[in-house]
Amino acid sequence: MENNNINEVNIVDIKMPFWSMVIFMVKAAIASIPAFIILAIIFTVVNLILGGIFGGMGRY
């Protein structure tokens, strides 16, 4: 037999001190910098490739 009971959970409050939250947010911001650099490199490479392929269109 299958158990079709669905348990739902609602989070009402998270008790966390203010300065602990500030430190967490600063750490998250610092951790996002390498991800942004990696994405910037990927988008630059894609832009260079597409620019090389389609860059000459419309000149004639």
N, C-alpha and C. Protein backbone atom coordinates (compact mmCIF):
# COMPACT_ATOMS: atom_id res chain seq x y z
N MET A 1 0.83 -1.17 0.00
CA MET A 1 0.00 0.00 0.00
C MET A 1 0.88 1.24 0.00
N GLU A 2 0.36 2.23 -0.66
CA GLU A 2 1.10 3.49 -0.74
C GLU A 2 0.64 4.43 0.37
N ASN A 3 1.57 5.21 0.83
CA ASN A 3 1.26 6.22 1.84
C ASN A 3 1.12 7.56 1.13
N ASN A 4 -0.10 8.04 1.01
CA ASN A 4 -0.35 9.27 0.28
C ASN A 4 -0.44 10.51 1.18
N ASN A 5 0.03 10.39 2.40
CA ASN A 5 0.01 11.53 3.29
C ASN A 5 1.11 12.51 2.90
N ILE A 6 0.75 13.75 2.77
CA ILE A 6 1.71 14.79 2.42
C ILE A 6 1.94 15.65 3.65
N ASN A 7 3.19 15.75 4.04
CA ASN A 7 3.55 16.58 5.19
C ASN A 7 4.07 17.91 4.69
N GLU A 8 3.41 18.99 5.06
CA GLU A 8 3.85 20.32 4.66
C GLU A 8 4.51 21.00 5.84
N VAL A 9 5.55 21.75 5.53
CA VAL A 9 6.28 22.47 6.57
C VAL A 9 6.29 23.94 6.21
N ASN A 10 5.91 24.79 7.15
CA ASN A 10 5.96 26.24 6.97
C ASN A 10 6.95 26.81 7.97
N ILE A 11 7.96 27.50 7.47
CA ILE A 11 8.94 28.13 8.36
C ILE A 11 8.40 29.51 8.72
N VAL A 12 8.26 29.74 10.00
CA VAL A 12 7.66 30.98 10.48
C VAL A 12 8.73 32.00 10.84
N ASP A 13 9.78 31.56 11.51
CA ASP A 13 10.77 32.51 11.99
C ASP A 13 12.12 31.80 12.10
N ILE A 14 13.18 32.56 11.84
CA ILE A 14 14.54 32.09 12.05
C ILE A 14 15.17 33.03 13.07
N LYS A 15 15.56 32.49 14.20
CA LYS A 15 16.18 33.32 15.23
C LYS A 15 17.68 33.31 15.02
N MET A 16 18.21 34.45 14.58
CA MET A 16 19.62 34.58 14.31
C MET A 16 20.05 35.98 14.73
N PRO A 17 21.12 36.10 15.49
CA PRO A 17 21.56 37.43 15.91
C PRO A 17 21.92 38.31 14.71
N PHE A 18 21.75 39.62 14.88
CA PHE A 18 21.95 40.56 13.78
C PHE A 18 23.37 40.49 13.22
N TRP A 19 24.37 40.54 14.08
CA TRP A 19 25.75 40.57 13.59
C TRP A 19 26.15 39.25 12.97
N SER A 20 25.58 38.18 13.44
CA SER A 20 25.83 36.89 12.80
C SER A 20 25.27 36.88 11.38
N MET A 21 24.09 37.49 11.21
CA MET A 21 23.50 37.60 9.88
C MET A 21 24.34 38.50 8.98
N VAL A 22 24.87 39.58 9.52
CA VAL A 22 25.73 40.49 8.75
C VAL A 22 26.97 39.76 8.29
N ILE A 23 27.61 39.01 9.18
CA ILE A 23 28.81 38.26 8.81
C ILE A 23 28.49 37.22 7.75
N PHE A 24 27.35 36.56 7.89
CA PHE A 24 26.93 35.57 6.88
C PHE A 24 26.76 36.22 5.52
N MET A 25 26.12 37.39 5.48
CA MET A 25 25.89 38.07 4.20
C MET A 25 27.20 38.56 3.58
N VAL A 26 28.13 39.01 4.40
CA VAL A 26 29.44 39.44 3.88
C VAL A 26 30.19 38.24 3.30
N LYS A 27 30.14 37.11 3.99
CA LYS A 27 30.79 35.90 3.48
C LYS A 27 30.15 35.45 2.17
N ALA A 28 28.82 35.55 2.08
CA ALA A 28 28.14 35.16 0.84
C ALA A 28 28.52 36.09 -0.31
N ALA A 29 28.66 37.38 -0.02
CA ALA A 29 29.06 38.34 -1.06
C ALA A 29 30.49 38.06 -1.52
N ILE A 30 31.38 37.76 -0.59
CA ILE A 30 32.77 37.46 -0.95
C ILE A 30 32.83 36.15 -1.75
N ALA A 31 32.02 35.18 -1.38
CA ALA A 31 32.03 33.89 -2.08
C ALA A 31 31.47 34.01 -3.49
N SER A 32 30.65 35.03 -3.76
CA SER A 32 30.06 35.18 -5.09
C SER A 32 31.04 35.81 -6.09
N ILE A 33 32.13 36.41 -5.61
CA ILE A 33 33.08 37.07 -6.51
C ILE A 33 33.73 36.07 -7.48
N PRO A 34 34.24 34.92 -7.05
CA PRO A 34 34.82 33.97 -8.02
C PRO A 34 33.79 33.47 -9.04
N ALA A 35 32.55 33.28 -8.59
CA ALA A 35 31.51 32.84 -9.52
C ALA A 35 31.28 33.91 -10.59
N PHE A 36 31.27 35.18 -10.19
CA PHE A 36 31.09 36.26 -11.16
C PHE A 36 32.26 36.31 -12.13
N ILE A 37 33.46 36.10 -11.65
CA ILE A 37 34.64 36.12 -12.54
C ILE A 37 34.55 34.97 -13.55
N ILE A 38 34.16 33.79 -13.10
CA ILE A 38 34.03 32.65 -14.02
C ILE A 38 32.97 32.93 -15.07
N LEU A 39 31.81 33.47 -14.65
CA LEU A 39 30.76 33.80 -15.62
C LEU A 39 31.21 34.88 -16.59
N ALA A 40 31.96 35.85 -16.12
CA ALA A 40 32.45 36.91 -17.00
C ALA A 40 33.40 36.33 -18.04
N ILE A 41 34.26 35.40 -17.65
CA ILE A 41 35.17 34.77 -18.60
C ILE A 41 34.40 33.97 -19.64
N ILE A 42 33.39 33.21 -19.20
CA ILE A 42 32.58 32.42 -20.14
C ILE A 42 31.87 33.33 -21.13
N PHE A 43 31.23 34.41 -20.64
CA PHE A 43 30.52 35.32 -21.54
C PHE A 43 31.48 36.04 -22.49
N THR A 44 32.69 36.34 -22.03
CA THR A 44 33.68 36.98 -22.89
C THR A 44 34.10 36.05 -24.01
N VAL A 45 34.34 34.79 -23.69
CA VAL A 45 34.73 33.82 -24.71
C VAL A 45 33.61 33.63 -25.73
N VAL A 46 32.36 33.51 -25.25
CA VAL A 46 31.23 33.37 -26.17
C VAL A 46 31.09 34.61 -27.04
N ASN A 47 31.28 35.79 -26.46
CA ASN A 47 31.19 37.02 -27.23
C ASN A 47 32.30 37.10 -28.29
N LEU A 48 33.50 36.67 -27.94
CA LEU A 48 34.59 36.68 -28.91
C LEU A 48 34.31 35.72 -30.06
N ILE A 49 33.79 34.55 -29.73
CA ILE A 49 33.49 33.56 -30.78
C ILE A 49 32.40 34.08 -31.70
N LEU A 50 31.30 34.55 -31.11
CA LEU A 50 30.20 35.05 -31.93
C LEU A 50 30.58 36.33 -32.68
N GLY A 51 31.40 37.15 -32.06
CA GLY A 51 31.88 38.35 -32.76
C GLY A 51 32.76 38.00 -33.94
N GLY A 52 33.57 36.96 -33.79
CA GLY A 52 34.41 36.53 -34.91
C GLY A 52 33.60 35.92 -36.03
N ILE A 53 32.52 35.23 -35.68
CA ILE A 53 31.69 34.59 -36.71
C ILE A 53 30.82 35.62 -37.42
N PHE A 54 30.15 36.46 -36.64
CA PHE A 54 29.16 37.37 -37.21
C PHE A 54 29.65 38.81 -37.33
N GLY A 55 30.89 39.06 -36.98
CA GLY A 55 31.40 40.43 -36.98
C GLY A 55 31.51 41.06 -38.37
N GLY A 56 31.73 40.25 -39.38
CA GLY A 56 31.90 40.76 -40.72
C GLY A 56 30.61 40.93 -41.50
N MET A 57 29.49 40.55 -40.89
CA MET A 57 28.21 40.64 -41.59
C MET A 57 27.78 42.10 -41.69
N GLY A 58 27.23 42.45 -42.83
CA GLY A 58 26.70 43.80 -43.02
C GLY A 58 27.71 44.81 -43.50
N ARG A 59 28.92 44.41 -43.77
CA ARG A 59 29.92 45.36 -44.25
C ARG A 59 29.80 45.60 -45.76
N TYR A 60 29.15 44.69 -46.47
CA TYR A 60 29.08 44.84 -47.91
C TYR A 60 27.65 45.05 -48.33
